[in-house]
Amino acid sequence: MPNTSPAAPAAPVVHAEGVSNDEFRAAMSRLAGGVVLVTAQEPPLDPGDPSAPRGEDVGMTATAFVSVSLEPPLVMVSLREGSRMDDLLAEQPLWAVSVLSESQRHIAGRFAMKGRISDRLLFEDIPYVRGEATGAPLVGGALATLECRTEQVVAAGDHTLVIGRVLTAGVPSAEGGPLLYFRGRYRQLD
């Protein structure tokens, strides 16, 4: 006779230090973070052929993005290990960051979706220019844009920390406030 009782809830994962995944997530959700769009362009299939078609643009929303150093200018982004951006930046050292404004919540949500459609379609109706140093998309209306070249990669648990040297920095828009992520939702300053 089959067992028809409801399945017991899965036991929370508790690490040797005594902190569960749920406790850690809850604590970190109380840290507000600015929201950025990290972008890069896949290299052409044949980099030696100047007529080879360019690779696809790739983008991802990130909140784990910080300034690291002024001399030299360095920034760091944390990428989920094995994500498309993690795999791409392992082979492509040039990437860009657009600091999203409070009016760009739709862009953040679009590039954060799980099981999303192709990145080519995600970029389709978003205004952007190509960075001169990286060729990566820089979102129109962003509060700030940075173009970077990877200087160092550090494996950190289930994430990869990518430290990039800032090649260009711009402030294309002074309109509006920053888009923030707090307690699992996008927010704006009041």
Protein backbone atom coordinates (compact mmCIF):
# COMPACT_ATOMS: atom_id res chain seq x y z
CA MET A 1 0.00 0.00 0.00
CA PRO A 2 1.53 3.35 -1.01
CA ASN A 3 2.31 5.93 1.62
CA THR A 4 -0.24 8.76 1.24
CA SER A 5 0.93 10.92 4.13
CA PRO A 6 2.30 14.33 3.19
CA ALA A 7 6.05 14.51 2.73
CA ALA A 8 7.92 15.94 5.68
CA PRO A 9 9.44 19.34 5.00
CA ALA A 10 13.09 19.21 4.06
CA ALA A 11 15.39 19.87 6.98
CA PRO A 12 17.17 23.21 6.68
CA VAL A 13 20.80 23.04 5.63
CA VAL A 14 22.92 23.95 8.65
CA HIS A 15 26.64 24.51 8.18
CA ALA A 16 29.28 23.39 10.68
CA GLU A 17 29.37 26.93 12.05
CA GLY A 18 25.68 26.59 13.01
CA VAL A 19 24.20 29.07 10.50
CA SER A 20 21.47 27.73 8.23
CA ASN A 21 21.04 28.86 4.62
CA ASP A 22 17.68 30.40 5.57
CA GLU A 23 19.16 32.33 8.51
CA PHE A 24 22.00 33.64 6.35
CA ARG A 25 19.61 34.69 3.55
CA ALA A 26 17.30 36.45 6.02
CA ALA A 27 20.18 38.36 7.61
CA MET A 28 21.68 39.40 4.26
CA SER A 29 18.29 40.51 2.91
CA ARG A 30 18.49 43.36 5.44
CA LEU A 31 21.50 44.82 3.59
CA ALA A 32 20.32 47.21 0.89
CA GLY A 33 22.32 47.01 -2.32
CA GLY A 34 22.46 49.08 -5.46
CA VAL A 35 21.34 47.26 -8.61
CA VAL A 36 23.57 47.09 -11.68
CA LEU A 37 23.39 45.42 -15.06
CA VAL A 38 26.64 43.61 -15.92
CA THR A 39 27.11 43.13 -19.66
CA ALA A 40 29.65 41.55 -21.98
CA GLN A 41 29.84 40.46 -25.56
CA GLU A 42 30.73 36.91 -26.51
CA PRO A 43 33.90 36.84 -28.60
CA PRO A 44 33.49 35.98 -32.30
CA LEU A 45 33.83 32.30 -33.19
CA ASP A 46 36.98 33.13 -35.17
CA PRO A 47 38.76 36.03 -33.42
CA GLY A 48 41.44 36.05 -36.14
CA ASP A 49 38.88 36.86 -38.85
CA PRO A 50 37.81 40.53 -38.74
CA SER A 51 34.76 39.70 -40.89
CA ALA A 52 33.52 37.03 -38.43
CA PRO A 53 30.16 37.95 -36.88
CA ARG A 54 30.22 39.38 -33.38
CA GLY A 55 29.10 37.17 -30.55
CA GLU A 56 25.85 37.62 -28.66
CA ASP A 57 25.45 40.26 -25.95
CA VAL A 58 24.98 38.82 -22.48
CA GLY A 59 23.61 40.60 -19.41
CA MET A 60 22.81 39.87 -15.78
CA THR A 61 21.44 41.83 -12.85
CA ALA A 62 23.73 42.06 -9.82
CA THR A 63 23.57 43.60 -6.38
CA ALA A 64 26.93 42.29 -5.18
CA PHE A 65 28.97 45.01 -6.87
CA VAL A 66 31.46 47.26 -5.06
CA SER A 67 34.30 49.68 -5.53
CA VAL A 68 37.58 48.05 -4.49
CA SER A 69 40.35 50.59 -5.11
CA LEU A 70 40.94 54.13 -6.35
CA GLU A 71 44.61 53.64 -7.30
CA PRO A 72 44.27 51.79 -9.62
CA PRO A 73 40.51 52.08 -10.17
CA LEU A 74 39.13 48.61 -9.43
CA VAL A 75 35.62 47.22 -8.93
CA MET A 76 34.33 43.76 -8.03
CA VAL A 77 31.24 41.80 -8.98
CA SER A 78 30.13 38.48 -7.52
CA LEU A 79 28.81 35.93 -10.05
CA ARG A 80 27.02 32.67 -9.33
CA GLU A 81 29.46 29.89 -10.22
CA GLY A 82 28.53 28.24 -13.52
CA SER A 83 26.18 31.06 -14.59
CA ARG A 84 26.32 32.21 -18.18
CA MET A 85 28.13 35.43 -17.16
CA ASP A 86 30.62 33.47 -15.03
CA ASP A 87 31.39 31.20 -17.98
CA LEU A 88 31.64 34.14 -20.40
CA LEU A 89 33.96 36.23 -18.21
CA ALA A 90 36.23 33.19 -17.84
CA GLU A 91 37.03 33.61 -21.55
CA GLN A 92 36.18 37.29 -22.20
CA PRO A 93 38.15 39.78 -20.07
CA LEU A 94 36.15 42.85 -21.19
CA TRP A 95 32.82 43.71 -19.56
CA ALA A 96 30.71 46.67 -18.52
CA VAL A 97 28.41 47.82 -15.73
CA SER A 98 25.39 50.11 -15.90
CA VAL A 99 24.24 51.47 -12.51
CA LEU A 100 20.46 51.32 -12.82
CA SER A 101 18.13 54.15 -11.83
CA GLU A 102 14.86 53.72 -9.94
CA SER A 103 12.98 54.00 -13.25
CA GLN A 104 14.84 50.96 -14.65
CA ARG A 105 13.27 48.31 -12.41
CA HIS A 106 11.91 46.55 -15.52
CA ILE A 107 15.46 46.12 -16.87
CA ALA A 108 16.66 44.66 -13.55
CA GLY A 109 13.74 42.23 -13.43
CA ARG A 110 14.16 41.19 -17.04
CA PHE A 111 17.82 40.23 -16.64
CA ALA A 112 17.24 38.52 -13.27
CA MET A 113 14.59 36.06 -14.51
CA LYS A 114 15.25 32.37 -14.09
CA GLY A 115 14.68 30.31 -17.24
CA ARG A 116 14.64 33.46 -19.31
CA ILE A 117 14.59 33.81 -23.05
CA SER A 118 17.77 34.51 -25.01
CA ASP A 119 19.78 37.58 -24.09
CA ARG A 120 19.46 38.82 -27.68
CA LEU A 121 15.72 39.25 -27.15
CA LEU A 122 16.21 40.80 -23.71
CA PHE A 123 18.29 43.62 -25.21
CA GLU A 124 15.90 44.14 -28.13
CA ASP A 125 13.90 47.14 -26.86
CA ILE A 126 16.37 48.58 -24.34
CA PRO A 127 18.23 51.72 -25.44
CA TYR A 128 21.99 51.24 -25.17
CA VAL A 129 25.27 52.23 -26.75
CA ARG A 130 28.33 50.07 -27.19
CA GLY A 131 31.26 50.87 -24.95
CA GLU A 132 34.28 52.09 -26.87
CA ALA A 133 36.73 50.10 -24.74
CA THR A 134 34.77 46.83 -24.39
CA GLY A 135 32.08 46.72 -27.05
CA ALA A 136 29.66 45.73 -24.27
CA PRO A 137 26.21 47.35 -24.03
CA LEU A 138 25.90 50.41 -21.76
CA VAL A 139 22.26 51.04 -20.86
CA GLY A 140 20.78 54.41 -21.78
CA GLY A 141 19.47 56.35 -18.78
CA ALA A 142 21.77 54.58 -16.33
CA LEU A 143 23.05 56.70 -13.44
CA ALA A 144 26.63 55.66 -14.20
CA THR A 145 28.49 53.36 -16.58
CA LEU A 146 31.84 51.61 -16.24
CA GLU A 147 33.86 49.58 -18.69
CA CYS A 148 36.22 47.05 -17.15
CA ARG A 149 38.96 44.53 -17.90
CA THR A 150 39.30 41.53 -15.59
CA GLU A 151 42.37 41.77 -13.36
CA GLN A 152 41.73 38.93 -10.94
CA VAL A 153 39.28 36.07 -10.42
CA VAL A 154 38.73 34.52 -6.99
CA ALA A 155 36.69 31.38 -6.31
CA ALA A 156 34.53 32.00 -3.22
CA GLY A 157 32.13 29.23 -2.20
CA ASP A 158 29.38 28.93 -4.81
CA HIS A 159 30.34 32.27 -6.41
CA THR A 160 33.19 33.76 -8.42
CA LEU A 161 34.51 37.20 -7.48
CA VAL A 162 35.65 39.09 -10.58
CA ILE A 163 37.84 42.13 -9.96
CA GLY A 164 38.05 44.47 -12.91
CA ARG A 165 40.18 47.49 -13.74
CA VAL A 166 37.97 50.38 -14.75
CA LEU A 167 38.86 51.50 -18.29
CA THR A 168 36.16 54.16 -18.67
CA ALA A 169 33.67 55.73 -16.29
CA GLY A 170 30.76 57.96 -17.19
CA VAL A 171 27.77 59.64 -15.62
CA PRO A 172 25.30 59.78 -18.51
CA SER A 173 22.23 60.62 -16.41
CA ALA A 174 21.76 62.68 -13.27
CA GLU A 175 18.00 62.04 -13.27
CA GLY A 176 16.34 60.11 -10.47
CA GLY A 177 17.71 58.04 -7.65
CA PRO A 178 19.31 54.61 -7.55
CA LEU A 179 17.44 51.33 -7.85
CA LEU A 180 17.94 49.37 -4.63
CA TYR A 181 17.36 45.77 -3.60
CA PHE A 182 16.20 45.24 -0.01
CA ARG A 183 14.34 42.38 1.71
CA GLY A 184 13.95 40.50 -1.56
CA ARG A 185 12.37 43.36 -3.54
CA TYR A 186 13.44 46.27 -5.72
CA ARG A 187 13.07 49.58 -3.88
CA GLN A 188 13.79 53.25 -4.33
CA LEU A 189 14.87 55.97 -1.93
CA ASP A 190 11.96 57.88 -0.38
